[in-house]
């Protein structure tokens, strides 16, 4: 029987839960998944923002979630245990050098970026494994591979996240559940608003990648749609880098040729 390639990226009839759907990459991913036929649950701590995304994504609903609250996460996972796709995007970054970090700030970043990812991956992974089908996608960062002063704790959470992805892929794989990460470069989102306000900083970041510009959140969703559906049935335990060549280039120095 010949393979059928015309529907590789279609998600018709599949439920996708997008956590962080109120803004940034999460919002654009929810819109893209819905455009490919998924029934999207737009989850966010900002209920109005989640509802706005759902209104713009055909067949979608919205729900409020606090990913740092165990009960809130359990409720979401129980209510949507039939989800075939999970995308988890929330993260925070406190930009300080290690010597200046407080333990409270350390705990805050670890709790949101790593602990919540683990908990959500655990709960949705269980239900997907029971149903023998699913795709879990989480958002890493180029800081998992290359760091700069002031981003040590954030980078540690993203490196840890990628290790969780590899381990979950190994453990969930026998149950036909795939787990992957997307590693964006510099993207214009609420998380990077601090950088955008500083023209010198913004320009320096724009000069680093090969394409010489920042990304829009909409440029991340191709990888999300790919990993969500049948085009990626043999892809698990990996990180897809979407960084315009940032991590391929050694610094911003251009030597004379």
Protein backbone atom coordinates (compact mmCIF):
# COMPACT_ATOMS: atom_id res chain seq x y z
CA UNK A 1 0.00 0.00 0.00
CA UNK A 2 1.44 3.37 -1.00
CA UNK A 3 2.13 5.90 1.74
CA UNK A 4 -0.29 8.81 1.97
CA UNK A 5 1.52 12.14 2.17
CA UNK A 6 -1.24 14.67 1.60
CA UNK A 7 -2.31 14.74 5.26
CA UNK A 8 1.07 14.60 7.02
CA UNK A 9 0.50 17.92 8.75
CA UNK A 10 -3.24 17.66 9.32
CA UNK A 11 -4.50 17.33 12.89
CA UNK A 12 -8.21 16.96 12.24
CA UNK A 13 -10.16 15.73 15.24
CA UNK A 14 -7.16 15.68 17.59
CA UNK A 15 -7.22 17.53 20.89
CA UNK A 16 -4.22 19.75 21.57
CA UNK A 17 -3.61 21.42 24.93
CA UNK A 18 -1.45 24.54 24.67
CA UNK A 19 -0.24 25.89 27.99
CA UNK A 20 0.79 29.52 27.70
CA UNK A 21 -1.64 30.17 24.85
CA UNK A 22 -2.36 33.72 25.90
CA UNK A 23 0.69 35.31 24.30
CA UNK A 24 3.95 34.79 22.43
CA UNK A 25 4.86 31.42 20.99
CA UNK A 26 1.97 29.71 22.79
CA UNK A 27 -0.62 31.97 21.21
CA UNK A 28 0.75 31.58 17.69
CA UNK A 29 1.11 27.82 18.13
CA UNK A 30 -2.51 27.51 19.26
CA UNK A 31 -3.65 29.41 16.17
CA UNK A 32 -1.49 27.24 13.90
CA UNK A 33 -2.62 23.94 15.43
CA UNK A 34 -6.24 25.00 15.04
CA UNK A 35 -5.59 26.00 11.44
CA UNK A 36 -4.43 22.43 10.82
CA UNK A 37 -7.64 20.99 12.25
CA UNK A 38 -6.86 20.43 15.93
CA UNK A 39 -9.36 21.13 18.68
CA UNK A 40 -7.21 23.36 20.86
CA UNK A 41 -7.54 23.95 24.57
CA UNK A 42 -5.98 27.37 25.16
CA UNK A 43 -4.65 27.39 28.72
CA UNK A 44 -3.04 30.40 30.37
CA UNK A 45 -2.80 32.17 33.71
CA UNK A 46 -4.41 35.16 32.01
CA UNK A 47 -7.96 34.07 31.35
CA UNK A 48 -8.83 37.02 29.10
CA UNK A 49 -5.78 36.42 26.91
CA UNK A 50 -6.54 32.70 26.66
CA UNK A 51 -10.14 33.44 25.70
CA UNK A 52 -8.98 35.89 23.04
CA UNK A 53 -6.72 33.26 21.50
CA UNK A 54 -9.57 30.74 21.54
CA UNK A 55 -11.88 33.19 19.79
CA UNK A 56 -9.37 33.43 16.96
CA UNK A 57 -8.71 29.69 16.71
CA UNK A 58 -11.61 27.78 15.18
CA UNK A 59 -12.98 25.01 17.38
CA UNK A 60 -10.99 26.07 20.42
CA UNK A 61 -11.83 26.57 24.08
CA UNK A 62 -10.00 28.35 26.87
CA UNK A 63 -9.17 27.61 30.49
CA UNK A 64 -7.28 29.35 33.27
CA UNK A 65 -4.29 27.53 34.76
CA UNK A 66 -1.59 28.31 37.28
CA UNK A 67 1.24 25.96 36.39
CA UNK A 68 2.86 26.54 39.79
CA UNK A 69 -0.27 25.27 41.56
CA UNK A 70 -0.41 21.50 41.82
CA UNK A 71 -4.19 21.39 42.05
CA UNK A 72 -4.64 23.57 38.98
CA UNK A 73 -2.34 21.34 36.93
CA UNK A 74 -4.05 18.17 38.15
CA UNK A 75 -7.44 19.59 37.23
CA UNK A 76 -6.27 20.45 33.71
CA UNK A 77 -4.69 17.03 33.19
CA UNK A 78 -7.79 15.21 34.45
CA UNK A 79 -10.17 17.28 32.35
CA UNK A 80 -8.14 16.72 29.18
CA UNK A 81 -6.72 13.25 29.64
CA UNK A 82 -7.75 12.52 26.05
CA UNK A 83 -5.33 15.09 24.62
CA UNK A 84 -3.14 13.79 21.82
CA UNK A 85 -0.89 16.85 21.70
CA UNK A 86 0.56 18.88 24.57
CA UNK A 87 2.58 22.06 24.15
CA UNK A 88 4.03 23.67 27.26
CA UNK A 89 5.59 27.13 26.90
CA UNK A 90 5.68 29.15 30.17
CA UNK A 91 9.06 30.38 31.41
CA UNK A 92 10.61 33.22 33.39
CA UNK A 93 14.08 34.74 33.45
CA UNK A 94 15.64 36.79 36.24
CA UNK A 95 18.67 38.40 34.60
CA UNK A 96 21.35 38.61 37.27
CA UNK A 97 24.86 37.32 37.71
CA UNK A 98 25.17 34.27 39.93
CA UNK A 99 26.86 36.23 42.72
CA UNK A 100 23.86 38.57 42.92
CA UNK A 101 21.10 35.95 42.78
CA UNK A 102 18.94 35.38 45.84
CA UNK A 103 17.78 31.88 46.68
CA UNK A 104 14.18 33.07 46.38
CA UNK A 105 14.87 34.21 42.81
CA UNK A 106 16.60 30.89 42.10
CA UNK A 107 13.60 28.96 43.40
CA UNK A 108 11.19 31.14 41.39
CA UNK A 109 12.94 30.41 38.10
CA UNK A 110 13.43 26.72 38.84
CA UNK A 111 9.83 26.30 39.96
CA UNK A 112 8.27 27.71 36.81
CA UNK A 113 10.77 26.66 34.15
CA UNK A 114 11.68 23.18 35.36
CA UNK A 115 9.35 21.94 38.09
CA UNK A 116 6.15 22.87 36.27
CA UNK A 117 7.46 21.33 33.05
CA UNK A 118 8.24 18.09 34.88
CA UNK A 119 4.83 17.96 36.55
CA UNK A 120 2.87 18.64 33.37
CA UNK A 121 4.98 16.21 31.34
CA UNK A 122 4.45 13.58 34.02
CA UNK A 123 0.66 13.91 34.20
CA UNK A 124 -0.05 14.16 30.49
CA UNK A 125 2.55 11.50 29.79
CA UNK A 126 0.71 9.04 32.01
CA UNK A 127 -2.61 9.48 30.23
CA UNK A 128 -1.00 9.42 26.77
CA UNK A 129 0.87 6.22 27.64
CA UNK A 130 -2.36 4.63 28.85
CA UNK A 131 -3.96 5.47 25.50
CA UNK A 132 -0.84 4.45 23.52
CA UNK A 133 -0.68 7.70 21.58
CA UNK A 134 0.55 11.26 21.98
CA UNK A 135 3.05 14.01 21.31
CA UNK A 136 4.52 16.20 24.07
CA UNK A 137 6.35 19.36 23.01
CA UNK A 138 8.10 21.84 25.25
CA UNK A 139 10.02 25.04 24.64
CA UNK A 140 13.72 25.17 25.42
CA UNK A 141 16.12 27.97 24.45
CA UNK A 142 19.47 28.55 22.78
CA UNK A 143 20.64 29.15 26.35
CA UNK A 144 20.58 25.39 26.84
CA UNK A 145 23.57 25.30 24.49
CA UNK A 146 25.29 28.67 24.82
CA UNK A 147 25.16 31.12 27.71
CA UNK A 148 25.97 34.70 28.58
CA UNK A 149 26.53 36.49 31.91
CA UNK A 150 23.31 36.98 33.81
CA UNK A 151 21.49 33.95 32.42
CA UNK A 152 23.05 31.12 34.40
CA UNK A 153 19.93 29.94 36.23
CA UNK A 154 17.68 30.31 33.19
CA UNK A 155 20.21 28.37 31.12
CA UNK A 156 20.37 25.64 33.75
CA UNK A 157 16.61 25.19 33.63
CA UNK A 158 16.63 24.87 29.84
CA UNK A 159 19.49 22.37 29.90
CA UNK A 160 17.59 20.41 32.52
CA UNK A 161 14.44 20.59 30.44
CA UNK A 162 16.22 19.03 27.46
CA UNK A 163 17.48 16.22 29.70
CA UNK A 164 13.92 15.61 30.88
CA UNK A 165 12.78 15.47 27.25
CA UNK A 166 15.36 12.80 26.41
CA UNK A 167 14.49 10.72 29.46
CA UNK A 168 10.74 11.02 28.96
CA UNK A 169 11.18 10.01 25.33
CA UNK A 170 13.01 6.86 26.45
CA UNK A 171 10.40 6.01 29.07
CA UNK A 172 7.26 6.88 27.08
CA UNK A 173 8.48 5.63 23.70
CA UNK A 174 7.41 1.99 24.19
CA UNK A 175 3.86 3.35 24.65
CA UNK A 176 4.02 5.23 21.33
CA UNK A 177 4.29 8.64 23.00
CA UNK A 178 6.81 11.07 21.56
CA UNK A 179 8.53 13.83 23.54
CA UNK A 180 10.52 16.65 21.93
CA UNK A 181 11.70 20.19 22.54
CA UNK A 182 12.00 23.26 20.37
CA UNK A 183 15.01 25.52 20.95
CA UNK A 184 14.22 29.06 19.75
CA UNK A 185 16.72 31.82 19.25
CA UNK A 186 15.82 35.42 20.09
CA UNK A 187 12.08 35.85 19.63
CA UNK A 188 9.98 38.95 20.19
CA UNK A 189 7.73 37.85 23.05
CA UNK A 190 6.76 39.25 26.46
CA UNK A 191 9.72 37.31 27.94
CA UNK A 192 12.19 39.36 25.87
CA UNK A 193 10.44 42.72 26.23
CA UNK A 194 13.23 43.95 28.52
CA UNK A 195 15.76 43.49 25.73
CA UNK A 196 13.62 45.18 23.12
CA UNK A 197 13.43 48.32 25.27
CA UNK A 198 17.22 48.72 25.08
CA UNK A 199 18.16 49.72 21.49
CA UNK A 200 21.83 48.75 21.87
CA UNK A 201 20.99 45.36 23.34
CA UNK A 202 18.27 44.74 20.77
CA UNK A 203 20.65 45.60 17.91
CA UNK A 204 23.42 43.39 19.29
CA UNK A 205 21.07 40.42 19.44
CA UNK A 206 19.84 41.14 15.92
CA UNK A 207 23.40 41.05 14.58
CA UNK A 208 24.30 37.66 16.08
CA UNK A 209 22.24 35.15 14.01
CA UNK A 210 22.97 34.45 10.35
CA UNK A 211 19.69 36.04 9.26
CA UNK A 212 20.60 39.27 11.12
CA UNK A 213 17.26 39.79 12.81
CA UNK A 214 15.03 38.73 15.66
CA UNK A 215 12.32 36.13 15.10
CA UNK A 216 8.61 36.64 15.38
CA UNK A 217 6.69 34.15 17.49
CA UNK A 218 4.88 33.01 14.36
CA UNK A 219 8.17 31.69 12.98
CA UNK A 220 8.35 29.05 15.70
CA UNK A 221 5.07 27.34 14.92
CA UNK A 222 6.21 25.33 11.91
CA UNK A 223 8.26 23.15 14.23
CA UNK A 224 5.29 22.80 16.59
CA UNK A 225 2.93 21.65 13.84
CA UNK A 226 5.58 19.24 12.53
CA UNK A 227 6.17 17.62 15.92
CA UNK A 228 2.45 17.45 16.72
CA UNK A 229 1.40 15.32 13.79
CA UNK A 230 2.13 12.35 11.58
CA UNK A 231 5.00 14.03 9.75
CA UNK A 232 7.08 13.36 12.88
CA UNK A 233 5.99 9.84 13.83
CA UNK A 234 9.64 8.73 14.07
CA UNK A 235 10.92 11.84 15.86
CA UNK A 236 11.35 11.67 19.63
CA UNK A 237 13.91 12.59 22.27
CA UNK A 238 15.31 15.42 20.22
CA UNK A 239 15.54 19.19 20.22
CA UNK A 240 14.77 21.12 17.06
CA UNK A 241 16.75 24.35 16.94
CA UNK A 242 14.97 27.32 15.34
CA UNK A 243 17.52 30.08 15.87
CA UNK A 244 18.47 31.54 12.45
CA UNK A 245 21.96 30.08 12.85
CA UNK A 246 22.70 31.64 16.26
CA UNK A 247 24.32 28.51 17.72
CA UNK A 248 26.12 27.71 14.45
CA UNK A 249 28.14 30.91 14.52
CA UNK A 250 31.08 31.52 16.87
CA UNK A 251 30.50 35.03 18.16
CA UNK A 252 29.73 38.24 16.28
CA UNK A 253 33.27 38.94 15.01
CA UNK A 254 33.58 39.12 11.23
CA UNK A 255 37.23 38.60 10.24
CA UNK A 256 38.77 40.36 7.23
CA UNK A 257 38.88 38.07 4.19
